[in-house]
Amino acid sequence: MSIRFPNQVKICLFLMLGMLALVLVACDSPRQRPFGTLKLGALTSLTEAEQFFPEIGILLRRDKDGFSAMSTHCTFDLIPLRLEGEGANKTWVSPSSASRYAYDGTVLSGPARSPLPYFSLFLTPWVAGDEPDTLFVKVGIPVLKDWRFAIPISK
């Protein structure tokens, strides 16, 4: 005895399987922040080795080679990450998915599989309403982790 399904049931099952496949693919690929430009501030105010901008989810680092900007939004669910620990034991944690990242953005545990992206930076000589030499981050197109926006560091 075989079971015969009406065409509507077959179509519904087919659509449900297709939607399940899309969900599985979406959960396996990293989520990306929307494209945009975010203002970090005047170069003269960005003097620390590290500055965290929680309101825009960016960690700005400055070293002898220049500036780098790392996203602090989870690559699994785009939730802003929480910084835990101190000193060499600092980690980024998603309060939603419990994904954990090393302080440099490397994935320590999932469900996230992709590291935190780094984004390029640019400087404006002057924009109406802003101070001269204002630093901006271009969100959405990742750059290599060791990419730097080179600016001479005064000693």
C-alpha atoms as a PDB file:
ATOM      1  CA  MET A   1       0.000   0.000   0.000  1.00  0.00           C
ATOM      2  CA  SER A   2       1.491   3.308  -1.030  1.00  0.00           C
ATOM      3  CA  ILE A   3       0.593   6.691   0.352  1.00  0.00           C
ATOM      4  CA  ARG A   4      -0.471   9.263  -2.204  1.00  0.00           C
ATOM      5  CA  PHE A   5      -0.142  12.954  -1.383  1.00  0.00           C
ATOM      6  CA  PRO A   6      -2.174  15.673  -3.058  1.00  0.00           C
ATOM      7  CA  ASN A   7      -0.189  18.129  -5.180  1.00  0.00           C
ATOM      8  CA  GLN A   8      -0.615  20.935  -2.616  1.00  0.00           C
ATOM      9  CA  VAL A   9       1.090  18.812   0.056  1.00  0.00           C
ATOM     10  CA  LYS A  10       3.935  17.956  -2.333  1.00  0.00           C
ATOM     11  CA  ILE A  11       4.447  21.642  -3.136  1.00  0.00           C
ATOM     12  CA  CYS A  12       4.397  22.590   0.576  1.00  0.00           C
ATOM     13  CA  LEU A  13       6.950  19.883   1.411  1.00  0.00           C
ATOM     14  CA  PHE A  14       9.174  21.000  -1.452  1.00  0.00           C
ATOM     15  CA  LEU A  15       9.013  24.643  -0.320  1.00  0.00           C
ATOM     16  CA  MET A  16       9.703  23.707   3.311  1.00  0.00           C
ATOM     17  CA  LEU A  17      12.773  21.679   2.316  1.00  0.00           C
ATOM     18  CA  GLY A  18      14.015  24.579   0.196  1.00  0.00           C
ATOM     19  CA  MET A  19      13.567  27.022   3.074  1.00  0.00           C
ATOM     20  CA  LEU A  20      15.376  24.654   5.438  1.00  0.00           C
ATOM     21  CA  ALA A  21      18.290  24.447   2.997  1.00  0.00           C
ATOM     22  CA  LEU A  22      18.451  28.263   2.820  1.00  0.00           C
ATOM     23  CA  VAL A  23      18.466  28.547   6.621  1.00  0.00           C
ATOM     24  CA  LEU A  24      21.258  26.000   6.917  1.00  0.00           C
ATOM     25  CA  VAL A  25      23.352  27.809   4.303  1.00  0.00           C
ATOM     26  CA  ALA A  26      22.717  31.200   5.937  1.00  0.00           C
ATOM     27  CA  CYS A  27      23.748  29.884   9.359  1.00  0.00           C
ATOM     28  CA  ASP A  28      26.959  28.462   7.949  1.00  0.00           C
ATOM     29  CA  SER A  29      28.107  31.648   6.220  1.00  0.00           C
ATOM     30  CA  PRO A  30      29.425  34.676   8.095  1.00  0.00           C
ATOM     31  CA  ARG A  31      27.120  37.631   8.581  1.00  0.00           C
ATOM     32  CA  GLN A  32      28.484  40.903   7.282  1.00  0.00           C
ATOM     33  CA  ARG A  33      27.901  44.364   8.592  1.00  0.00           C
ATOM     34  CA  PRO A  34      26.138  46.750   6.212  1.00  0.00           C
ATOM     35  CA  PHE A  35      28.328  48.961   4.040  1.00  0.00           C
ATOM     36  CA  GLY A  36      28.920  52.434   5.337  1.00  0.00           C
ATOM     37  CA  THR A  37      31.309  55.040   6.641  1.00  0.00           C
ATOM     38  CA  LEU A  38      31.661  55.680  10.361  1.00  0.00           C
ATOM     39  CA  LYS A  39      33.365  58.669  11.922  1.00  0.00           C
ATOM     40  CA  LEU A  40      35.978  57.870  14.576  1.00  0.00           C
ATOM     41  CA  GLY A  41      37.195  61.370  15.376  1.00  0.00           C
ATOM     42  CA  ALA A  42      39.906  63.937  14.886  1.00  0.00           C
ATOM     43  CA  LEU A  43      43.367  62.461  14.543  1.00  0.00           C
ATOM     44  CA  THR A  44      44.590  64.618  17.420  1.00  0.00           C
ATOM     45  CA  SER A  45      42.071  62.907  19.767  1.00  0.00           C
ATOM     46  CA  LEU A  46      43.056  59.359  18.781  1.00  0.00           C
ATOM     47  CA  THR A  47      46.249  59.096  20.802  1.00  0.00           C
ATOM     48  CA  GLU A  48      45.741  55.831  22.731  1.00  0.00           C
ATOM     49  CA  ALA A  49      47.189  52.499  21.564  1.00  0.00           C
ATOM     50  CA  GLU A  50      43.612  51.140  21.610  1.00  0.00           C
ATOM     51  CA  GLN A  51      40.271  52.879  21.619  1.00  0.00           C
ATOM     52  CA  PHE A  52      36.970  51.015  21.764  1.00  0.00           C
ATOM     53  CA  PHE A  53      33.908  52.622  20.169  1.00  0.00           C
ATOM     54  CA  PRO A  54      31.060  50.448  21.543  1.00  0.00           C
ATOM     55  CA  GLU A  55      28.340  52.625  20.009  1.00  0.00           C
ATOM     56  CA  ILE A  56      29.560  51.705  16.512  1.00  0.00           C
ATOM     57  CA  GLY A  57      31.197  48.349  17.294  1.00  0.00           C
ATOM     58  CA  ILE A  58      34.777  49.217  16.317  1.00  0.00           C
ATOM     59  CA  LEU A  59      38.074  48.640  18.122  1.00  0.00           C
ATOM     60  CA  LEU A  60      40.698  51.066  16.824  1.00  0.00           C
ATOM     61  CA  ARG A  61      44.327  50.105  17.355  1.00  0.00           C
ATOM     62  CA  ARG A  62      47.396  52.248  16.804  1.00  0.00           C
ATOM     63  CA  ASP A  63      50.941  50.893  16.583  1.00  0.00           C
ATOM     64  CA  LYS A  64      54.252  51.871  14.993  1.00  0.00           C
ATOM     65  CA  ASP A  65      52.865  50.975  11.529  1.00  0.00           C
ATOM     66  CA  GLY A  66      49.639  52.981  11.817  1.00  0.00           C
ATOM     67  CA  PHE A  67      45.961  52.379  12.596  1.00  0.00           C
ATOM     68  CA  SER A  68      43.773  49.291  12.216  1.00  0.00           C
ATOM     69  CA  ALA A  69      40.032  48.944  12.851  1.00  0.00           C
ATOM     70  CA  MET A  70      38.382  45.664  13.900  1.00  0.00           C
ATOM     71  CA  SER A  71      34.645  45.034  14.046  1.00  0.00           C
ATOM     72  CA  THR A  72      33.269  44.001  17.427  1.00  0.00           C
ATOM     73  CA  HIS A  73      30.030  42.509  16.078  1.00  0.00           C
ATOM     74  CA  CYS A  74      29.623  38.716  16.057  1.00  0.00           C
ATOM     75  CA  THR A  75      30.071  37.149  12.597  1.00  0.00           C
ATOM     76  CA  PHE A  76      27.326  34.618  13.386  1.00  0.00           C
ATOM     77  CA  ASP A  77      24.473  36.905  14.404  1.00  0.00           C
ATOM     78  CA  LEU A  78      25.820  40.510  14.138  1.00  0.00           C
ATOM     79  CA  ILE A  79      25.159  41.107  17.847  1.00  0.00           C
ATOM     80  CA  PRO A  80      27.562  43.586  19.506  1.00  0.00           C
ATOM     81  CA  LEU A  81      30.189  41.655  21.440  1.00  0.00           C
ATOM     82  CA  ARG A  82      30.988  42.002  25.122  1.00  0.00           C
ATOM     83  CA  LEU A  83      34.612  42.244  26.272  1.00  0.00           C
ATOM     84  CA  GLU A  84      35.494  39.825  29.074  1.00  0.00           C
ATOM     85  CA  GLY A  85      38.686  39.200  31.025  1.00  0.00           C
ATOM     86  CA  GLU A  86      41.760  41.306  31.642  1.00  0.00           C
ATOM     87  CA  GLY A  87      45.284  41.624  30.311  1.00  0.00           C
ATOM     88  CA  ALA A  88      46.345  38.729  28.082  1.00  0.00           C
ATOM     89  CA  ASN A  89      43.067  36.895  28.851  1.00  0.00           C
ATOM     90  CA  LYS A  90      40.712  39.365  27.127  1.00  0.00           C
ATOM     91  CA  THR A  91      38.087  37.753  24.909  1.00  0.00           C
ATOM     92  CA  TRP A  92      35.086  38.956  22.943  1.00  0.00           C
ATOM     93  CA  VAL A  93      31.817  37.105  23.675  1.00  0.00           C
ATOM     94  CA  SER A  94      28.437  37.205  21.956  1.00  0.00           C
ATOM     95  CA  PRO A  95      25.698  37.464  24.597  1.00  0.00           C
ATOM     96  CA  SER A  96      23.297  35.877  22.112  1.00  0.00           C
ATOM     97  CA  SER A  97      25.099  32.944  20.455  1.00  0.00           C
ATOM     98  CA  ALA A  98      27.903  32.505  23.061  1.00  0.00           C
ATOM     99  CA  SER A  99      30.493  32.626  20.257  1.00  0.00           C
ATOM    100  CA  ARG A 100      33.914  33.509  21.677  1.00  0.00           C
ATOM    101  CA  TYR A 101      36.754  35.357  19.959  1.00  0.00           C
ATOM    102  CA  ALA A 102      40.338  36.009  20.977  1.00  0.00           C
ATOM    103  CA  TYR A 103      41.161  39.668  21.510  1.00  0.00           C
ATOM    104  CA  ASP A 104      42.638  39.818  17.972  1.00  0.00           C
ATOM    105  CA  GLY A 105      39.354  38.535  16.468  1.00  0.00           C
ATOM    106  CA  THR A 106      40.256  34.849  15.975  1.00  0.00           C
ATOM    107  CA  VAL A 107      37.343  32.463  16.655  1.00  0.00           C
ATOM    108  CA  LEU A 108      37.829  30.467  19.863  1.00  0.00           C
ATOM    109  CA  SER A 109      34.447  28.708  19.914  1.00  0.00           C
ATOM    110  CA  GLY A 110      31.275  28.760  17.862  1.00  0.00           C
ATOM    111  CA  PRO A 111      28.749  28.674  16.481  1.00  0.00           C
ATOM    112  CA  ALA A 112      30.656  31.491  14.699  1.00  0.00           C
ATOM    113  CA  ARG A 113      33.214  30.167  12.219  1.00  0.00           C
ATOM    114  CA  SER A 114      34.600  33.388  10.747  1.00  0.00           C
ATOM    115  CA  PRO A 115      37.003  35.736  12.530  1.00  0.00           C
ATOM    116  CA  LEU A 116      36.097  39.337  13.267  1.00  0.00           C
ATOM    117  CA  PRO A 117      36.744  41.444  10.173  1.00  0.00           C
ATOM    118  CA  TYR A 118      39.119  44.388   9.925  1.00  0.00           C
ATOM    119  CA  PHE A 119      38.099  47.413   7.863  1.00  0.00           C
ATOM    120  CA  SER A 120      39.996  50.108   5.986  1.00  0.00           C
ATOM    121  CA  LEU A 121      40.394  53.637   7.293  1.00  0.00           C
ATOM    122  CA  PHE A 122      40.727  56.990   5.597  1.00  0.00           C
ATOM    123  CA  LEU A 123      41.453  60.537   6.628  1.00  0.00           C
ATOM    124  CA  THR A 124      39.618  63.640   5.469  1.00  0.00           C
ATOM    125  CA  PRO A 125      41.635  66.829   5.297  1.00  0.00           C
ATOM    126  CA  TRP A 126      38.502  68.834   6.101  1.00  0.00           C
ATOM    127  CA  VAL A 127      34.747  68.290   5.939  1.00  0.00           C
ATOM    128  CA  ALA A 128      32.232  70.982   6.823  1.00  0.00           C
ATOM    129  CA  GLY A 129      31.328  70.565  10.478  1.00  0.00           C
ATOM    130  CA  ASP A 130      34.278  68.304  11.290  1.00  0.00           C
ATOM    131  CA  GLU A 131      37.724  69.029  12.596  1.00  0.00           C
ATOM    132  CA  PRO A 132      40.581  68.846  10.089  1.00  0.00           C
ATOM    133  CA  ASP A 133      42.173  65.409   9.725  1.00  0.00           C
ATOM    134  CA  THR A 134      39.151  63.380  10.834  1.00  0.00           C
ATOM    135  CA  LEU A 135      39.561  59.570  10.723  1.00  0.00           C
ATOM    136  CA  PHE A 136      36.769  57.429   9.261  1.00  0.00           C
ATOM    137  CA  VAL A 137      36.335  53.648   8.939  1.00  0.00           C
ATOM    138  CA  LYS A 138      34.847  52.052   5.784  1.00  0.00           C
ATOM    139  CA  VAL A 139      32.633  49.227   7.050  1.00  0.00           C
ATOM    140  CA  GLY A 140      31.533  46.331   4.866  1.00  0.00           C
ATOM    141  CA  ILE A 141      34.630  45.431   2.840  1.00  0.00           C
ATOM    142  CA  PRO A 142      37.126  43.551   5.010  1.00  0.00           C
ATOM    143  CA  VAL A 143      40.881  44.070   4.710  1.00  0.00           C
ATOM    144  CA  LEU A 144      43.707  41.823   5.887  1.00  0.00           C
ATOM    145  CA  LYS A 145      44.314  41.678   9.615  1.00  0.00           C
ATOM    146  CA  ASP A 146      47.792  43.179   9.236  1.00  0.00           C
ATOM    147  CA  TRP A 147      46.601  46.085   7.021  1.00  0.00           C
ATOM    148  CA  ARG A 148      47.444  49.494   8.497  1.00  0.00           C
ATOM    149  CA  PHE A 149      46.520  53.064   7.689  1.00  0.00           C
ATOM    150  CA  ALA A 150      49.973  54.575   7.939  1.00  0.00           C
ATOM    151  CA  ILE A 151      50.274  57.810   9.847  1.00  0.00           C
ATOM    152  CA  PRO A 152      53.501  58.905  11.469  1.00  0.00           C
ATOM    153  CA  ILE A 153      53.277  58.565  15.245  1.00  0.00           C
ATOM    154  CA  SER A 154      54.733  61.533  17.066  1.00  0.00           C
ATOM    155  CA  LYS A 155      56.927  60.666  20.009  1.00  0.00           C
END
